[in-house]
PDB file of N, CA and C in Angstrom:
ATOM      1  N   MET A   1     -38.910 253.952 -24.656  1.00  0.00           N
ATOM      2  CA  MET A   1     -39.518 253.280 -23.538  1.00  0.00           C
ATOM      3  C   MET A   1     -38.414 252.779 -22.605  1.00  0.00           C
ATOM      4  N   VAL A   2     -38.814 252.435 -21.406  1.00  0.00           N
ATOM      5  CA  VAL A   2     -37.862 251.943 -20.411  1.00  0.00           C
ATOM      6  C   VAL A   2     -38.273 250.540 -19.990  1.00  0.00           C
ATOM      7  N   ASP A   3     -37.295 249.658 -19.959  1.00  0.00           N
ATOM      8  CA  ASP A   3     -37.493 248.314 -19.426  1.00  0.00           C
ATOM      9  C   ASP A   3     -37.462 248.459 -17.907  1.00  0.00           C
ATOM     10  N   ALA A   4     -38.618 248.391 -17.276  1.00  0.00           N
ATOM     11  CA  ALA A   4     -38.725 248.617 -15.834  1.00  0.00           C
ATOM     12  C   ALA A   4     -37.972 247.568 -15.028  1.00  0.00           C
ATOM     13  N   ARG A   5     -37.695 246.422 -15.615  1.00  0.00           N
ATOM     14  CA  ARG A   5     -36.962 245.375 -14.903  1.00  0.00           C
ATOM     15  C   ARG A   5     -35.505 245.749 -14.708  1.00  0.00           C
ATOM     16  N   THR A   6     -34.927 246.458 -15.689  1.00  0.00           N
ATOM     17  CA  THR A   6     -33.496 246.757 -15.661  1.00  0.00           C
ATOM     18  C   THR A   6     -33.191 248.253 -15.629  1.00  0.00           C
ATOM     19  N   GLY A   7     -34.157 249.090 -15.999  1.00  0.00           N
ATOM     20  CA  GLY A   7     -33.928 250.524 -16.079  1.00  0.00           C
ATOM     21  C   GLY A   7     -33.306 250.960 -17.391  1.00  0.00           C
ATOM     22  N   ARG A   8     -33.131 250.036 -18.325  1.00  0.00           N
ATOM     23  CA  ARG A   8     -32.532 250.367 -19.623  1.00  0.00           C
ATOM     24  C   ARG A   8     -33.544 251.084 -20.515  1.00  0.00           C
ATOM     25  N   VAL A   9     -33.078 252.129 -21.190  1.00  0.00           N
ATOM     26  CA  VAL A   9     -33.902 252.881 -22.132  1.00  0.00           C
ATOM     27  C   VAL A   9     -33.696 252.292 -23.513  1.00  0.00           C
ATOM     28  N   GLY A  10     -34.772 252.183 -24.283  1.00  0.00           N
ATOM     29  CA  GLY A  10     -34.667 251.660 -25.635  1.00  0.00           C
ATOM     30  C   GLY A  10     -35.758 252.190 -26.537  1.00  0.00           C
ATOM     31  N   GLN A  11     -35.493 252.102 -27.818  1.00  0.00           N
ATOM     32  CA  GLN A  11     -36.469 252.485 -28.834  1.00  0.00           C
ATOM     33  C   GLN A  11     -37.248 251.240 -29.225  1.00  0.00           C
ATOM     34  N   VAL A  12     -38.560 251.379 -29.294  1.00  0.00           N
ATOM     35  CA  VAL A  12     -39.394 250.241 -29.693  1.00  0.00           C
ATOM     36  C   VAL A  12     -39.146 249.952 -31.167  1.00  0.00           C
ATOM     37  N   MET A  13     -38.774 248.698 -31.448  1.00  0.00           N
ATOM     38  CA  MET A  13     -38.482 248.290 -32.812  1.00  0.00           C
ATOM     39  C   MET A  13     -39.573 247.397 -33.394  1.00  0.00           C
ATOM     40  N   GLY A  14     -40.373 246.794 -32.539  1.00  0.00           N
ATOM     41  CA  GLY A  14     -41.424 245.915 -33.028  1.00  0.00           C
ATOM     42  C   GLY A  14     -41.896 244.976 -31.950  1.00  0.00           C
ATOM     43  N   HIS A  15     -42.643 243.977 -32.396  1.00  0.00           N
ATOM     44  CA  HIS A  15     -43.188 242.976 -31.496  1.00  0.00           C
ATOM     45  C   HIS A  15     -42.783 241.601 -32.004  1.00  0.00           C
ATOM     46  N   GLU A  16     -42.436 240.728 -31.102  1.00  0.00           N
ATOM     47  CA  GLU A  16     -42.113 239.347 -31.453  1.00  0.00           C
ATOM     48  C   GLU A  16     -42.860 238.466 -30.469  1.00  0.00           C
ATOM     49  N   GLY A  17     -43.896 237.814 -30.940  1.00  0.00           N
ATOM     50  CA  GLY A  17     -44.722 237.014 -30.040  1.00  0.00           C
ATOM     51  C   GLY A  17     -45.336 237.904 -28.981  1.00  0.00           C
ATOM     52  N   PRO A  18     -45.226 237.516 -27.721  1.00  0.00           N
ATOM     53  CA  PRO A  18     -45.823 238.316 -26.656  1.00  0.00           C
ATOM     54  C   PRO A  18     -44.914 239.450 -26.163  1.00  0.00           C
ATOM     55  N   TYR A  19     -43.749 239.637 -26.788  1.00  0.00           N
ATOM     56  CA  TYR A  19     -42.776 240.605 -26.305  1.00  0.00           C
ATOM     57  C   TYR A  19     -42.670 241.824 -27.213  1.00  0.00           C
ATOM     58  N   VAL A  20     -42.240 242.930 -26.613  1.00  0.00           N
ATOM     59  CA  VAL A  20     -41.894 244.147 -27.347  1.00  0.00           C
ATOM     60  C   VAL A  20     -40.376 244.159 -27.453  1.00  0.00           C
ATOM     61  N   GLN A  21     -39.870 244.499 -28.622  1.00  0.00           N
ATOM     62  CA  GLN A  21     -38.427 244.530 -28.825  1.00  0.00           C
ATOM     63  C   GLN A  21     -37.927 245.963 -28.707  1.00  0.00           C
ATOM     64  N   LEU A  22     -36.927 246.152 -27.856  1.00  0.00           N
ATOM     65  CA  LEU A  22     -36.290 247.451 -27.670  1.00  0.00           C
ATOM     66  C   LEU A  22     -34.857 247.391 -28.161  1.00  0.00           C
ATOM     67  N   ARG A  23     -34.383 248.530 -28.673  1.00  0.00           N
ATOM     68  CA  ARG A  23     -32.980 248.650 -29.098  1.00  0.00           C
ATOM     69  C   ARG A  23     -32.373 249.848 -28.374  1.00  0.00           C
ATOM     70  N   PRO A  24     -31.141 249.726 -27.888  1.00  0.00           N
ATOM     71  CA  PRO A  24     -30.495 250.851 -27.206  1.00  0.00           C
ATOM     72  C   PRO A  24     -30.423 252.080 -28.113  1.00  0.00           C
ATOM     73  N   PRO A  25     -30.494 253.292 -27.541  1.00  0.00           N
ATOM     74  CA  PRO A  25     -30.455 254.512 -28.357  1.00  0.00           C
ATOM     75  C   PRO A  25     -29.204 254.631 -29.220  1.00  0.00           C
ATOM     76  N   ARG A  26     -28.082 254.116 -28.748  1.00  0.00           N
ATOM     77  CA  ARG A  26     -26.831 254.203 -29.516  1.00  0.00           C
ATOM     78  C   ARG A  26     -26.689 253.083 -30.530  1.00  0.00           C
ATOM     79  N   GLY A  27     -27.703 252.238 -30.632  1.00  0.00           N
ATOM     80  CA  GLY A  27     -27.642 251.090 -31.521  1.00  0.00           C
ATOM     81  C   GLY A  27     -27.178 249.872 -30.755  1.00  0.00           C
ATOM     82  N   GLY A  28     -27.280 248.761 -31.370  1.00  0.00           N
ATOM     83  CA  GLY A  28     -26.861 247.526 -30.718  1.00  0.00           C
ATOM     84  C   GLY A  28     -27.941 246.470 -30.816  1.00  0.00           C
ATOM     85  N   LYS A  29     -27.757 245.451 -30.040  1.00  0.00           N
ATOM     86  CA  LYS A  29     -28.651 244.300 -30.092  1.00  0.00           C
ATOM     87  C   LYS A  29     -29.973 244.595 -29.384  1.00  0.00           C
ATOM     88  N   GLU A  30     -31.044 244.189 -30.023  1.00  0.00           N
ATOM     89  CA  GLU A  30     -32.371 244.340 -29.434  1.00  0.00           C
ATOM     90  C   GLU A  30     -32.567 243.330 -28.323  1.00  0.00           C
ATOM     91  N   TRP A  31     -33.472 243.669 -27.400  1.00  0.00           N
ATOM     92  CA  TRP A  31     -33.834 242.716 -26.357  1.00  0.00           C
ATOM     93  C   TRP A  31     -35.338 242.708 -26.196  1.00  0.00           C
ATOM     94  N   ASP A  32     -35.851 241.596 -25.690  1.00  0.00           N
ATOM     95  CA  ASP A  32     -37.292 241.406 -25.536  1.00  0.00           C
ATOM     96  C   ASP A  32     -37.745 241.828 -24.147  1.00  0.00           C
ATOM     97  N   VAL A  33     -38.900 242.507 -24.107  1.00  0.00           N
ATOM     98  CA  VAL A  33     -39.467 242.977 -22.850  1.00  0.00           C
ATOM     99  C   VAL A  33     -40.952 242.628 -22.829  1.00  0.00           C
ATOM    100  N   PRO A  34     -41.430 242.029 -21.743  1.00  0.00           N
ATOM    101  CA  PRO A  34     -42.871 241.820 -21.638  1.00  0.00           C
ATOM    102  C   PRO A  34     -43.574 243.184 -21.594  1.00  0.00           C
ATOM    103  N   PRO A  35     -44.702 243.336 -22.268  1.00  0.00           N
ATOM    104  CA  PRO A  35     -45.380 244.636 -22.313  1.00  0.00           C
ATOM    105  C   PRO A  35     -45.690 245.223 -20.935  1.00  0.00           C
ATOM    106  N   ASP A  36     -45.951 244.386 -19.951  1.00  0.00           N
ATOM    107  CA  ASP A  36     -46.268 244.908 -18.622  1.00  0.00           C
ATOM    108  C   ASP A  36     -45.022 245.386 -17.871  1.00  0.00           C
ATOM    109  N   SER A  37     -43.842 245.213 -18.466  1.00  0.00           N
ATOM    110  CA  SER A  37     -42.593 245.693 -17.864  1.00  0.00           C
ATOM    111  C   SER A  37     -42.075 246.956 -18.545  1.00  0.00           C
ATOM    112  N   LEU A  38     -42.881 247.574 -19.384  1.00  0.00           N
ATOM    113  CA  LEU A  38     -42.497 248.812 -20.052  1.00  0.00           C
ATOM    114  C   LEU A  38     -43.092 250.006 -19.324  1.00  0.00           C
ATOM    115  N   ARG A  39     -42.350 251.102 -19.352  1.00  0.00           N
ATOM    116  CA  ARG A  39     -42.880 252.361 -18.827  1.00  0.00           C
ATOM    117  C   ARG A  39     -42.334 253.510 -19.665  1.00  0.00           C
ATOM    118  N   GLU A  40     -43.008 254.641 -19.568  1.00  0.00           N
ATOM    119  CA  GLU A  40     -42.538 255.845 -20.253  1.00  0.00           C
ATOM    120  C   GLU A  40     -41.273 256.338 -19.556  1.00  0.00           C
ATOM    121  N   PRO A  41     -40.332 256.895 -20.309  1.00  0.00           N
ATOM    122  CA  PRO A  41     -39.120 257.426 -19.678  1.00  0.00           C
ATOM    123  C   PRO A  41     -39.419 258.731 -18.947  1.00  0.00           C
ATOM    124  N   THR A  42     -38.632 258.995 -17.910  1.00  0.00           N
ATOM    125  CA  THR A  42     -38.710 260.294 -17.252  1.00  0.00           C
ATOM    126  C   THR A  42     -38.123 261.333 -18.201  1.00  0.00           C
ATOM    127  N   ALA A  43     -38.290 262.599 -17.864  1.00  0.00           N
ATOM    128  CA  ALA A  43     -37.723 263.659 -18.708  1.00  0.00           C
ATOM    129  C   ALA A  43     -36.205 263.510 -18.798  1.00  0.00           C
ATOM    130  N   ALA A  44     -35.565 263.182 -17.700  1.00  0.00           N
ATOM    131  CA  ALA A  44     -34.105 263.018 -17.692  1.00  0.00           C
ATOM    132  C   ALA A  44     -33.674 261.827 -18.542  1.00  0.00           C
ATOM    133  N   GLU A  45     -34.395 260.723 -18.461  1.00  0.00           N
ATOM    134  CA  GLU A  45     -34.063 259.541 -19.262  1.00  0.00           C
ATOM    135  C   GLU A  45     -34.252 259.823 -20.747  1.00  0.00           C
ATOM    136  N   ALA A  46     -35.321 260.527 -21.096  1.00  0.00           N
ATOM    137  CA  ALA A  46     -35.576 260.858 -22.504  1.00  0.00           C
ATOM    138  C   ALA A  46     -34.484 261.782 -23.040  1.00  0.00           C
ATOM    139  N   LEU A  47     -34.103 262.782 -22.264  1.00  0.00           N
ATOM    140  CA  LEU A  47     -33.050 263.703 -22.699  1.00  0.00           C
ATOM    141  C   LEU A  47     -31.721 262.964 -22.864  1.00  0.00           C
ATOM    142  N   SER A  48     -31.396 262.096 -21.932  1.00  0.00           N
ATOM    143  CA  SER A  48     -30.162 261.326 -22.026  1.00  0.00           C
ATOM    144  C   SER A  48     -30.125 260.469 -23.287  1.00  0.00           C
ATOM    145  N   ALA A  49     -31.248 259.854 -23.628  1.00  0.00           N
ATOM    146  CA  ALA A  49     -31.321 259.031 -24.842  1.00  0.00           C
ATOM    147  C   ALA A  49     -31.141 259.894 -26.084  1.00  0.00           C
ATOM    148  N   LYS A  50     -31.749 261.084 -26.089  1.00  0.00           N
ATOM    149  CA  LYS A  50     -31.607 261.982 -27.244  1.00  0.00           C
ATOM    150  C   LYS A  50     -30.171 262.448 -27.403  1.00  0.00           C
ATOM    151  N   VAL A  51     -29.502 262.734 -26.313  1.00  0.00           N
ATOM    152  CA  VAL A  51     -28.096 263.139 -26.366  1.00  0.00           C
ATOM    153  C   VAL A  51     -27.242 261.990 -26.903  1.00  0.00           C
ATOM    154  N   ALA A  52     -27.518 260.778 -26.470  1.00  0.00           N
ATOM    155  CA  ALA A  52     -26.768 259.615 -26.952  1.00  0.00           C
ATOM    156  C   ALA A  52     -26.915 259.455 -28.458  1.00  0.00           C
ATOM    157  N   VAL A  53     -28.128 259.649 -28.962  1.00  0.00           N
ATOM    158  CA  VAL A  53     -28.367 259.546 -30.406  1.00  0.00           C
ATOM    159  C   VAL A  53     -27.611 260.645 -31.144  1.00  0.00           C
ATOM    160  N   ALA A  54     -27.666 261.877 -30.632  1.00  0.00           N
ATOM    161  CA  ALA A  54     -26.964 262.996 -31.273  1.00  0.00           C
ATOM    162  C   ALA A  54     -25.456 262.769 -31.261  1.00  0.00           C
ATOM    163  N   ASN A  55     -24.928 262.301 -30.150  1.00  0.00           N
ATOM    164  CA  ASN A  55     -23.491 262.025 -30.070  1.00  0.00           C
ATOM    165  C   ASN A  55     -23.077 260.960 -31.074  1.00  0.00           C
ATOM    166  N   ARG A  56     -23.907 259.962 -31.240  1.00  0.00           N
ATOM    167  CA  ARG A  56     -23.603 258.898 -32.203  1.00  0.00           C
ATOM    168  C   ARG A  56     -23.547 259.466 -33.614  1.00  0.00           C
ATOM    169  N   ARG A  57     -24.471 260.366 -33.931  1.00  0.00           N
ATOM    170  CA  ARG A  57     -24.498 260.977 -35.264  1.00  0.00           C
ATOM    171  C   ARG A  57     -23.252 261.784 -35.539  1.00  0.00           C
ATOM    172  N   TRP A  58     -22.810 262.567 -34.557  1.00  0.00           N
ATOM    173  CA  TRP A  58     -21.685 263.471 -34.756  1.00  0.00           C
ATOM    174  C   TRP A  58     -20.343 262.761 -34.762  1.00  0.00           C
ATOM    175  N   ARG A  59     -20.277 261.568 -34.235  1.00  0.00           N
ATOM    176  CA  ARG A  59     -19.000 260.839 -34.194  1.00  0.00           C
ATOM    177  C   ARG A  59     -18.703 260.108 -35.481  1.00  0.00           C
ATOM    178  N   ARG A  60     -19.597 260.101 -36.411  1.00  0.00           N
ATOM    179  CA  ARG A  60     -19.364 259.375 -37.674  1.00  0.00           C
ATOM    180  C   ARG A  60     -18.515 260.156 -38.600  1.00  0.00           C
TER     181      ARG A  60
END
């Protein structure tokens, strides 16, 4: 999903109170997003996130 407020792409990790928690594709700290500020990623954003995940896997 994409945080429409910032344009950051993240994987949904859960819900905390009224917020959805997203985590960056490469890992890192989760952040809270109001549900009405979420949107589906574009094809380019989704591909970029998948590449980031693959790159992270191969660098280990």
